[in-house]
Amino acid sequence: HVLRVLGAMSNMVKAQKMPPVTRSTHRCRDCEFKNY
């Protein structure tokens, strides 16, 4: 699973495509990137 996550991260960086927002939006409250 760790290898799959690393692969997904690499693919996202290479594709330069913004992923969907997290389903647990309560996590966004204290996020350092909330304003962006």
PDB file of all heavy atoms in Angstrom:
ATOM      1  N   HIS A   1       0.832  -1.204   0.000  1.00  0.00           N
ATOM      2  CA  HIS A   1       0.000   0.000   0.000  1.00  0.00           C
ATOM      3  C   HIS A   1       0.866   1.253   0.000  1.00  0.00           C
ATOM      4  O   HIS A   1       0.548   2.229  -0.689  1.00  0.00           O
ATOM      5  CB  HIS A   1      -0.939  -0.001   1.204  1.00  0.00           C
ATOM      6  CG  HIS A   1      -1.935   1.124   1.166  1.00  0.00           C
ATOM      7  ND1 HIS A   1      -3.007   1.144   0.294  1.00  0.00           N
ATOM      8  CD2 HIS A   1      -2.001   2.285   1.879  1.00  0.00           C
ATOM      9  CE1 HIS A   1      -3.697   2.262   0.466  1.00  0.00           C
ATOM     10  NE2 HIS A   1      -3.107   2.969   1.420  1.00  0.00           N
ATOM     11  N   VAL A   2       1.949   1.243   0.755  1.00  0.00           N
ATOM     12  CA  VAL A   2       2.862   2.388   0.768  1.00  0.00           C
ATOM     13  C   VAL A   2       3.423   2.628  -0.632  1.00  0.00           C
ATOM     14  O   VAL A   2       3.497   3.772  -1.107  1.00  0.00           O
ATOM     15  CB  VAL A   2       4.005   2.178   1.782  1.00  0.00           C
ATOM     16  CG1 VAL A   2       5.120   3.204   1.569  1.00  0.00           C
ATOM     17  CG2 VAL A   2       3.474   2.281   3.209  1.00  0.00           C
ATOM     18  N   LEU A   3       3.808   1.554  -1.314  1.00  0.00           N
ATOM     19  CA  LEU A   3       4.326   1.705  -2.673  1.00  0.00           C
ATOM     20  C   LEU A   3       3.274   2.276  -3.617  1.00  0.00           C
ATOM     21  O   LEU A   3       3.577   3.092  -4.493  1.00  0.00           O
ATOM     22  CB  LEU A   3       4.827   0.353  -3.197  1.00  0.00           C
ATOM     23  CG  LEU A   3       6.047  -0.246  -2.488  1.00  0.00           C
ATOM     24  CD1 LEU A   3       6.403  -1.592  -3.108  1.00  0.00           C
ATOM     25  CD2 LEU A   3       7.242   0.696  -2.553  1.00  0.00           C
ATOM     26  N   ARG A   4       2.033   1.861  -3.431  1.00  0.00           N
ATOM     27  CA  ARG A   4       0.955   2.390  -4.274  1.00  0.00           C
ATOM     28  C   ARG A   4       0.738   3.876  -4.021  1.00  0.00           C
ATOM     29  O   ARG A   4       0.495   4.652  -4.955  1.00  0.00           O
ATOM     30  CB  ARG A   4      -0.333   1.609  -4.013  1.00  0.00           C
ATOM     31  CG  ARG A   4      -0.319   0.194  -4.593  1.00  0.00           C
ATOM     32  CD  ARG A   4      -1.534  -0.593  -4.154  1.00  0.00           C
ATOM     33  NE  ARG A   4      -1.544  -1.929  -4.752  1.00  0.00           N
ATOM     34  CZ  ARG A   4      -2.279  -2.942  -4.319  1.00  0.00           C
ATOM     35  NH1 ARG A   4      -3.075  -2.762  -3.261  1.00  0.00           N
ATOM     36  NH2 ARG A   4      -2.234  -4.110  -4.914  1.00  0.00           N
ATOM     37  N   VAL A   5       0.805   4.273  -2.761  1.00  0.00           N
ATOM     38  CA  VAL A   5       0.654   5.691  -2.431  1.00  0.00           C
ATOM     39  C   VAL A   5       1.796   6.497  -3.049  1.00  0.00           C
ATOM     40  O   VAL A   5       1.572   7.566  -3.631  1.00  0.00           O
ATOM     41  CB  VAL A   5       0.609   5.892  -0.903  1.00  0.00           C
ATOM     42  CG1 VAL A   5       0.697   7.376  -0.549  1.00  0.00           C
ATOM     43  CG2 VAL A   5      -0.670   5.296  -0.330  1.00  0.00           C
ATOM     44  N   LEU A   6       3.016   5.981  -2.947  1.00  0.00           N
ATOM     45  CA  LEU A   6       4.153   6.675  -3.548  1.00  0.00           C
ATOM     46  C   LEU A   6       3.984   6.792  -5.063  1.00  0.00           C
ATOM     47  O   LEU A   6       4.301   7.829  -5.659  1.00  0.00           O
ATOM     48  CB  LEU A   6       5.450   5.936  -3.218  1.00  0.00           C
ATOM     49  CG  LEU A   6       5.947   6.068  -1.784  1.00  0.00           C
ATOM     50  CD1 LEU A   6       7.107   5.106  -1.539  1.00  0.00           C
ATOM     51  CD2 LEU A   6       6.371   7.495  -1.476  1.00  0.00           C
ATOM     52  N   GLY A   7       3.480   5.735  -5.677  1.00  0.00           N
ATOM     53  CA  GLY A   7       3.234   5.780  -7.116  1.00  0.00           C
ATOM     54  C   GLY A   7       2.173   6.797  -7.481  1.00  0.00           C
ATOM     55  O   GLY A   7       2.320   7.544  -8.460  1.00  0.00           O
ATOM     56  N   ALA A   8       1.109   6.869  -6.698  1.00  0.00           N
ATOM     57  CA  ALA A   8       0.041   7.841  -6.951  1.00  0.00           C
ATOM     58  C   ALA A   8       0.549   9.268  -6.774  1.00  0.00           C
ATOM     59  O   ALA A   8       0.202  10.170  -7.556  1.00  0.00           O
ATOM     60  CB  ALA A   8      -1.132   7.563  -6.009  1.00  0.00           C
ATOM     61  N   MET A   9       1.378   9.489  -5.766  1.00  0.00           N
ATOM     62  CA  MET A   9       1.950  10.810  -5.552  1.00  0.00           C
ATOM     63  C   MET A   9       2.834  11.215  -6.727  1.00  0.00           C
ATOM     64  O   MET A   9       2.773  12.358  -7.222  1.00  0.00           O
ATOM     65  CB  MET A   9       2.745  10.822  -4.244  1.00  0.00           C
ATOM     66  CG  MET A   9       1.862  10.821  -3.008  1.00  0.00           C
ATOM     67  SD  MET A   9       2.706  10.358  -1.458  1.00  0.00           S
ATOM     68  CE  MET A   9       4.174  11.340  -1.511  1.00  0.00           C
ATOM     69  N   SER A  10       3.672  10.292  -7.177  1.00  0.00           N
ATOM     70  CA  SER A  10       4.553  10.578  -8.312  1.00  0.00           C
ATOM     71  C   SER A  10       3.758  10.896  -9.566  1.00  0.00           C
ATOM     72  O   SER A  10       4.077  11.836 -10.305  1.00  0.00           O
ATOM     73  CB  SER A  10       5.479   9.384  -8.562  1.00  0.00           C
ATOM     74  OG  SER A  10       6.359   9.183  -7.494  1.00  0.00           O
ATOM     75  N   ASN A  11       2.703  10.108  -9.812  1.00  0.00           N
ATOM     76  CA  ASN A  11       1.871  10.336 -10.998  1.00  0.00           C
ATOM     77  C   ASN A  11       1.191  11.702 -10.945  1.00  0.00           C
ATOM     78  O   ASN A  11       1.070  12.384 -11.967  1.00  0.00           O
ATOM     79  CB  ASN A  11       0.825   9.228 -11.120  1.00  0.00           C
ATOM     80  CG  ASN A  11       1.440   7.895 -11.498  1.00  0.00           C
ATOM     81  OD1 ASN A  11       2.532   7.843 -12.065  1.00  0.00           O
ATOM     82  ND2 ASN A  11       0.757   6.808 -11.180  1.00  0.00           N
ATOM     83  N   MET A  12       0.734  12.088  -9.755  1.00  0.00           N
ATOM     84  CA  MET A  12       0.076  13.374  -9.617  1.00  0.00           C
ATOM     85  C   MET A  12       1.050  14.519  -9.898  1.00  0.00           C
ATOM     86  O   MET A  12       0.709  15.486 -10.575  1.00  0.00           O
ATOM     87  CB  MET A  12      -0.508  13.532  -8.216  1.00  0.00           C
ATOM     88  CG  MET A  12      -1.296  14.826  -8.030  1.00  0.00           C
ATOM     89  SD  MET A  12      -1.789  15.092  -6.313  1.00  0.00           S
ATOM     90  CE  MET A  12      -0.206  15.404  -5.560  1.00  0.00           C
ATOM     91  N   VAL A  13       2.266  14.406  -9.372  1.00  0.00           N
ATOM     92  CA  VAL A  13       3.264  15.445  -9.588  1.00  0.00           C
ATOM     93  C   VAL A  13       3.622  15.536 -11.069  1.00  0.00           C
ATOM     94  O   VAL A  13       3.740  16.637 -11.634  1.00  0.00           O
ATOM     95  CB  VAL A  13       4.514  15.181  -8.725  1.00  0.00           C
ATOM     96  CG1 VAL A  13       5.642  16.143  -9.104  1.00  0.00           C
ATOM     97  CG2 VAL A  13       4.177  15.325  -7.240  1.00  0.00           C
ATOM     98  N   LYS A  14       3.775  14.389 -11.716  1.00  0.00           N
ATOM     99  CA  LYS A  14       4.125  14.397 -13.131  1.00  0.00           C
ATOM    100  C   LYS A  14       2.992  14.950 -13.992  1.00  0.00           C
ATOM    101  O   LYS A  14       3.220  15.676 -14.964  1.00  0.00           O
ATOM    102  CB  LYS A  14       4.501  12.980 -13.579  1.00  0.00           C
ATOM    103  CG  LYS A  14       5.856  12.527 -13.068  1.00  0.00           C
ATOM    104  CD  LYS A  14       6.282  11.210 -13.680  1.00  0.00           C
ATOM    105  CE  LYS A  14       5.421  10.064 -13.192  1.00  0.00           C
ATOM    106  NZ  LYS A  14       5.908   8.753 -13.714  1.00  0.00           N
ATOM    107  N   ALA A  15       1.743  14.601 -13.638  1.00  0.00           N
ATOM    108  CA  ALA A  15       0.590  15.073 -14.414  1.00  0.00           C
ATOM    109  C   ALA A  15       0.265  16.527 -14.122  1.00  0.00           C
ATOM    110  O   ALA A  15      -0.389  17.202 -14.933  1.00  0.00           O
ATOM    111  CB  ALA A  15      -0.631  14.205 -14.107  1.00  0.00           C
ATOM    112  N   GLN A  16       0.719  17.036 -12.973  1.00  0.00           N
ATOM    113  CA  GLN A  16       0.465  18.418 -12.554  1.00  0.00           C
ATOM    114  C   GLN A  16      -1.030  18.742 -12.567  1.00  0.00           C
ATOM    115  O   GLN A  16      -1.453  19.820 -12.994  1.00  0.00           O
ATOM    116  CB  GLN A  16       1.245  19.396 -13.442  1.00  0.00           C
ATOM    117  CG  GLN A  16       2.746  19.212 -13.358  1.00  0.00           C
ATOM    118  CD  GLN A  16       3.518  20.310 -14.056  1.00  0.00           C
ATOM    119  OE1 GLN A  16       2.959  21.246 -14.607  1.00  0.00           O
ATOM    120  NE2 GLN A  16       4.824  20.205 -14.036  1.00  0.00           N
ATOM    121  N   LYS A  17      -1.809  17.799 -12.067  1.00  0.00           N
ATOM    122  CA  LYS A  17      -3.265  17.966 -12.037  1.00  0.00           C
ATOM    123  C   LYS A  17      -3.749  17.978 -10.602  1.00  0.00           C
ATOM    124  O   LYS A  17      -3.408  17.093  -9.818  1.00  0.00           O
ATOM    125  CB  LYS A  17      -3.933  16.830 -12.813  1.00  0.00           C
ATOM    126  CG  LYS A  17      -5.453  16.938 -12.876  1.00  0.00           C
ATOM    127  CD  LYS A  17      -6.045  15.801 -13.687  1.00  0.00           C
ATOM    128  CE  LYS A  17      -7.565  15.914 -13.741  1.00  0.00           C
ATOM    129  NZ  LYS A  17      -8.157  14.777 -14.513  1.00  0.00           N
ATOM    130  N   MET A  18      -4.556  18.983 -10.256  1.00  0.00           N
ATOM    131  CA  MET A  18      -5.057  19.085  -8.892  1.00  0.00           C
ATOM    132  C   MET A  18      -6.027  17.939  -8.600  1.00  0.00           C
ATOM    133  O   MET A  18      -6.977  17.718  -9.341  1.00  0.00           O
ATOM    134  CB  MET A  18      -5.761  20.422  -8.660  1.00  0.00           C
ATOM    135  CG  MET A  18      -6.296  20.566  -7.234  1.00  0.00           C
ATOM    136  SD  MET A  18      -7.206  22.110  -6.948  1.00  0.00           S
ATOM    137  CE  MET A  18      -5.843  23.272  -6.848  1.00  0.00           C
ATOM    138  N   PRO A  19      -5.807  17.211  -7.514  1.00  0.00           N
ATOM    139  CA  PRO A  19      -6.708  16.103  -7.169  1.00  0.00           C
ATOM    140  C   PRO A  19      -7.984  16.631  -6.531  1.00  0.00           C
ATOM    141  O   PRO A  19      -8.065  17.798  -6.141  1.00  0.00           O
ATOM    142  CB  PRO A  19      -5.875  15.300  -6.164  1.00  0.00           C
ATOM    143  CG  PRO A  19      -5.006  16.317  -5.517  1.00  0.00           C
ATOM    144  CD  PRO A  19      -4.674  17.319  -6.588  1.00  0.00           C
ATOM    145  N   PRO A  20      -9.011  15.773  -6.419  1.00  0.00           N
ATOM    146  CA  PRO A  20     -10.261  16.199  -5.761  1.00  0.00           C
ATOM    147  C   PRO A  20     -10.006  16.572  -4.303  1.00  0.00           C
ATOM    148  O   PRO A  20      -9.052  16.113  -3.680  1.00  0.00           O
ATOM    149  CB  PRO A  20     -11.156  14.957  -5.863  1.00  0.00           C
ATOM    150  CG  PRO A  20     -10.562  14.137  -6.961  1.00  0.00           C
ATOM    151  CD  PRO A  20      -9.089  14.398  -6.925  1.00  0.00           C
ATOM    152  N   VAL A  21     -10.877  17.407  -3.762  1.00  0.00           N
ATOM    153  CA  VAL A  21     -10.775  17.790  -2.366  1.00  0.00           C
ATOM    154  C   VAL A  21     -11.106  16.583  -1.486  1.00  0.00           C
ATOM    155  O   VAL A  21     -11.845  15.678  -1.888  1.00  0.00           O
ATOM    156  CB  VAL A  21     -11.735  18.971  -2.061  1.00  0.00           C
ATOM    157  CG1 VAL A  21     -13.195  18.530  -2.162  1.00  0.00           C
ATOM    158  CG2 VAL A  21     -11.441  19.560  -0.693  1.00  0.00           C
ATOM    159  N   THR A  22     -10.533  16.545  -0.284  1.00  0.00           N
ATOM    160  CA  THR A  22     -10.826  15.456   0.639  1.00  0.00           C
ATOM    161  C   THR A  22     -12.312  15.401   0.960  1.00  0.00           C
ATOM    162  O   THR A  22     -12.996  16.430   1.030  1.00  0.00           O
ATOM    163  CB  THR A  22     -10.025  15.624   1.945  1.00  0.00           C
ATOM    164  OG1 THR A  22     -10.393  14.593   2.858  1.00  0.00           O
ATOM    165  CG2 THR A  22     -10.299  16.971   2.608  1.00  0.00           C
ATOM    166  N   ARG A  23     -12.825  14.190   1.156  1.00  0.00           N
ATOM    167  CA  ARG A  23     -14.243  14.044   1.511  1.00  0.00           C
ATOM    168  C   ARG A  23     -14.511  14.522   2.934  1.00  0.00           C
ATOM    169  O   ARG A  23     -15.640  14.889   3.266  1.00  0.00           O
ATOM    170  CB  ARG A  23     -14.660  12.575   1.367  1.00  0.00           C
ATOM    171  CG  ARG A  23     -14.609  12.050  -0.067  1.00  0.00           C
ATOM    172  CD  ARG A  23     -15.003  10.589  -0.130  1.00  0.00           C
ATOM    173  NE  ARG A  23     -14.934  10.057  -1.482  1.00  0.00           N
ATOM    174  CZ  ARG A  23     -15.190   8.796  -1.813  1.00  0.00           C
ATOM    175  NH1 ARG A  23     -15.535   7.933  -0.858  1.00  0.00           N
ATOM    176  NH2 ARG A  23     -15.097   8.395  -3.063  1.00  0.00           N
ATOM    177  N   SER A  24     -13.486  14.477   3.768  1.00  0.00           N
ATOM    178  CA  SER A  24     -13.634  14.903   5.171  1.00  0.00           C
ATOM    179  C   SER A  24     -13.274  16.379   5.274  1.00  0.00           C
ATOM    180  O   SER A  24     -12.168  16.752   5.672  1.00  0.00           O
ATOM    181  CB  SER A  24     -12.741  14.052   6.077  1.00  0.00           C
ATOM    182  OG  SER A  24     -13.032  12.677   5.934  1.00  0.00           O
ATOM    183  N   THR A  25     -14.211  17.247   4.905  1.00  0.00           N
ATOM    184  CA  THR A  25     -13.905  18.668   4.808  1.00  0.00           C
ATOM    185  C   THR A  25     -13.655  19.319   6.172  1.00  0.00           C
ATOM    186  O   THR A  25     -13.141  20.446   6.218  1.00  0.00           O
ATOM    187  CB  THR A  25     -15.040  19.412   4.082  1.00  0.00           C
ATOM    188  OG1 THR A  25     -16.294  19.111   4.728  1.00  0.00           O
ATOM    189  CG2 THR A  25     -15.119  18.978   2.625  1.00  0.00           C
ATOM    190  N   HIS A  26     -13.986  18.635   7.265  1.00  0.00           N
ATOM    191  CA  HIS A  26     -13.646  19.202   8.580  1.00  0.00           C
ATOM    192  C   HIS A  26     -12.136  19.303   8.760  1.00  0.00           C
ATOM    193  O   HIS A  26     -11.649  20.087   9.575  1.00  0.00           O
ATOM    194  CB  HIS A  26     -14.251  18.345   9.698  1.00  0.00           C
ATOM    195  CG  HIS A  26     -13.648  16.981   9.806  1.00  0.00           C
ATOM    196  ND1 HIS A  26     -14.073  15.913   9.026  1.00  0.00           N
ATOM    197  CD2 HIS A  26     -12.645  16.500  10.597  1.00  0.00           C
ATOM    198  CE1 HIS A  26     -13.368  14.844   9.334  1.00  0.00           C
ATOM    199  NE2 HIS A  26     -12.495  15.165  10.265  1.00  0.00           N
ATOM    200  N   ARG A  27     -11.387  18.527   7.973  1.00  0.00           N
ATOM    201  CA  ARG A  27      -9.930  18.592   8.041  1.00  0.00           C
ATOM    202  C   ARG A  27      -9.393  19.911   7.508  1.00  0.00           C
ATOM    203  O   ARG A  27      -8.248  20.290   7.783  1.00  0.00           O
ATOM    204  CB  ARG A  27      -9.321  17.434   7.240  1.00  0.00           C
ATOM    205  CG  ARG A  27      -9.659  16.054   7.786  1.00  0.00           C
ATOM    206  CD  ARG A  27      -9.158  14.976   6.868  1.00  0.00           C
ATOM    207  NE  ARG A  27      -9.353  13.639   7.435  1.00  0.00           N
ATOM    208  CZ  ARG A  27      -9.095  12.504   6.798  1.00  0.00           C
ATOM    209  NH1 ARG A  27      -8.614  12.554   5.551  1.00  0.00           N
ATOM    210  NH2 ARG A  27      -9.300  11.345   7.390  1.00  0.00           N
ATOM    211  N   CYS A  28     -10.190  20.611   6.730  1.00  0.00           N
ATOM    212  CA  CYS A  28      -9.730  21.841   6.090  1.00  0.00           C
ATOM    213  C   CYS A  28      -9.653  23.013   7.062  1.00  0.00           C
ATOM    214  O   CYS A  28      -9.019  24.033   6.763  1.00  0.00           O
ATOM    215  CB  CYS A  28     -10.662  22.203   4.933  1.00  0.00           C
ATOM    216  SG  CYS A  28     -10.892  20.873   3.729  1.00  0.00           S
ATOM    217  N   ARG A  29     -10.287  22.866   8.224  1.00  0.00           N
ATOM    218  CA  ARG A  29     -10.408  24.002   9.148  1.00  0.00           C
ATOM    219  C   ARG A  29      -9.053  24.586   9.532  1.00  0.00           C
ATOM    220  O   ARG A  29      -8.875  25.795   9.557  1.00  0.00           O
ATOM    221  CB  ARG A  29     -11.173  23.549  10.397  1.00  0.00           C
ATOM    222  CG  ARG A  29     -11.548  24.679  11.332  1.00  0.00           C
ATOM    223  CD  ARG A  29     -12.308  24.157  12.541  1.00  0.00           C
ATOM    224  NE  ARG A  29     -13.467  23.374  12.140  1.00  0.00           N
ATOM    225  CZ  ARG A  29     -13.605  22.059  12.403  1.00  0.00           C
ATOM    226  NH1 ARG A  29     -12.654  21.397  13.035  1.00  0.00           N
ATOM    227  NH2 ARG A  29     -14.685  21.418  12.020  1.00  0.00           N
ATOM    228  N   ASP A  30      -8.094  23.735   9.834  1.00  0.00           N
ATOM    229  CA  ASP A  30      -6.782  24.190  10.284  1.00  0.00           C
ATOM    230  C   ASP A  30      -5.687  24.010   9.237  1.00  0.00           C
ATOM    231  O   ASP A  30      -4.506  24.060   9.557  1.00  0.00           O
ATOM    232  CB  ASP A  30      -6.376  23.441  11.564  1.00  0.00           C
ATOM    233  CG  ASP A  30      -7.318  23.714  12.720  1.00  0.00           C
ATOM    234  OD1 ASP A  30      -7.721  24.877  12.885  1.00  0.00           O
ATOM    235  OD2 ASP A  30      -7.666  22.766  13.450  1.00  0.00           O
ATOM    236  N   CYS A  31      -6.088  23.816   7.980  1.00  0.00           N
ATOM    237  CA  CYS A  31      -5.106  23.535   6.933  1.00  0.00           C
ATOM    238  C   CYS A  31      -4.310  24.787   6.567  1.00  0.00           C
ATOM    239  O   CYS A  31      -4.871  25.890   6.416  1.00  0.00           O
ATOM    240  CB  CYS A  31      -5.807  22.990   5.689  1.00  0.00           C
ATOM    241  SG  CYS A  31      -4.671  22.617   4.338  1.00  0.00           S
ATOM    242  N   GLU A  32      -3.007  24.612   6.385  1.00  0.00           N
ATOM    243  CA  GLU A  32      -2.139  25.736   6.031  1.00  0.00           C
ATOM    244  C   GLU A  32      -2.383  26.226   4.604  1.00  0.00           C
ATOM    245  O   GLU A  32      -1.967  27.331   4.234  1.00  0.00           O
ATOM    246  CB  GLU A  32      -0.676  25.322   6.189  1.00  0.00           C
ATOM    247  CG  GLU A  32      -0.281  24.127   5.331  1.00  0.00           C
ATOM    248  CD  GLU A  32       1.103  23.605   5.650  1.00  0.00           C
ATOM    249  OE1 GLU A  32       2.024  24.444   5.800  1.00  0.00           O
ATOM    250  OE2 GLU A  32       1.269  22.381   5.761  1.00  0.00           O
ATOM    251  N   PHE A  33      -3.071  25.420   3.770  1.00  0.00           N
ATOM    252  CA  PHE A  33      -3.339  25.792   2.391  1.00  0.00           C
ATOM    253  C   PHE A  33      -4.791  26.193   2.145  1.00  0.00           C
ATOM    254  O   PHE A  33      -5.220  26.296   1.001  1.00  0.00           O
ATOM    255  CB  PHE A  33      -2.962  24.639   1.449  1.00  0.00           C
ATOM    256  CG  PHE A  33      -1.514  24.255   1.511  1.00  0.00           C
ATOM    257  CD1 PHE A  33      -1.128  23.023   2.006  1.00  0.00           C
ATOM    258  CD2 PHE A  33      -0.529  25.125   1.086  1.00  0.00           C
ATOM    259  CE1 PHE A  33       0.213  22.657   2.076  1.00  0.00           C
ATOM    260  CE2 PHE A  33       0.812  24.783   1.153  1.00  0.00           C
ATOM    261  CZ  PHE A  33       1.187  23.549   1.653  1.00  0.00           C
ATOM    262  N   LYS A  34      -5.532  26.399   3.209  1.00  0.00           N
ATOM    263  CA  LYS A  34      -6.966  26.676   3.094  1.00  0.00           C
ATOM    264  C   LYS A  34      -7.253  27.851   2.177  1.00  0.00           C
ATOM    265  O   LYS A  34      -8.213  27.822   1.396  1.00  0.00           O
ATOM    266  CB  LYS A  34      -7.547  26.914   4.485  1.00  0.00           C
ATOM    267  CG  LYS A  34      -9.041  27.178   4.496  1.00  0.00           C
ATOM    268  CD  LYS A  34      -9.556  27.389   5.905  1.00  0.00           C
ATOM    269  CE  LYS A  34     -11.040  27.668   5.926  1.00  0.00           C
ATOM    270  NZ  LYS A  34     -11.541  27.859   7.295  1.00  0.00           N
ATOM    271  N   ASN A  35      -6.454  28.887   2.253  1.00  0.00           N
ATOM    272  CA  ASN A  35      -6.713  30.086   1.459  1.00  0.00           C
ATOM    273  C   ASN A  35      -6.492  29.892  -0.043  1.00  0.00           C
ATOM    274  O   ASN A  35      -6.931  30.720  -0.841  1.00  0.00           O
ATOM    275  CB  ASN A  35      -5.836  31.252   1.940  1.00  0.00           C
ATOM    276  CG  ASN A  35      -6.211  31.699   3.344  1.00  0.00           C
ATOM    277  OD1 ASN A  35      -7.319  31.451   3.811  1.00  0.00           O
ATOM    278  ND2 ASN A  35      -5.268  32.352   4.018  1.00  0.00           N
ATOM    279  N   TYR A  36      -5.801  28.812  -0.407  1.00  0.00           N
ATOM    280  CA  TYR A  36      -5.498  28.588  -1.828  1.00  0.00           C
ATOM    281  C   TYR A  36      -6.357  27.485  -2.448  1.00  0.00           C
ATOM    282  O   TYR A  36      -6.312  27.292  -3.659  1.00  0.00           O
ATOM    283  CB  TYR A  36      -4.025  28.199  -1.990  1.00  0.00           C
ATOM    284  CG  TYR A  36      -3.069  29.210  -1.394  1.00  0.00           C
ATOM    285  CD1 TYR A  36      -2.536  29.000  -0.135  1.00  0.00           C
ATOM    286  CD2 TYR A  36      -2.730  30.369  -2.084  1.00  0.00           C
ATOM    287  CE1 TYR A  36      -1.647  29.922   0.426  1.00  0.00           C
ATOM    288  CE2 TYR A  36      -1.874  31.304  -1.527  1.00  0.00           C
ATOM    289  CZ  TYR A  36      -1.336  31.064  -0.271  1.00  0.00           C
ATOM    290  OH  TYR A  36      -0.483  31.983   0.274  1.00  0.00           O
TER     291      TYR A  36
END
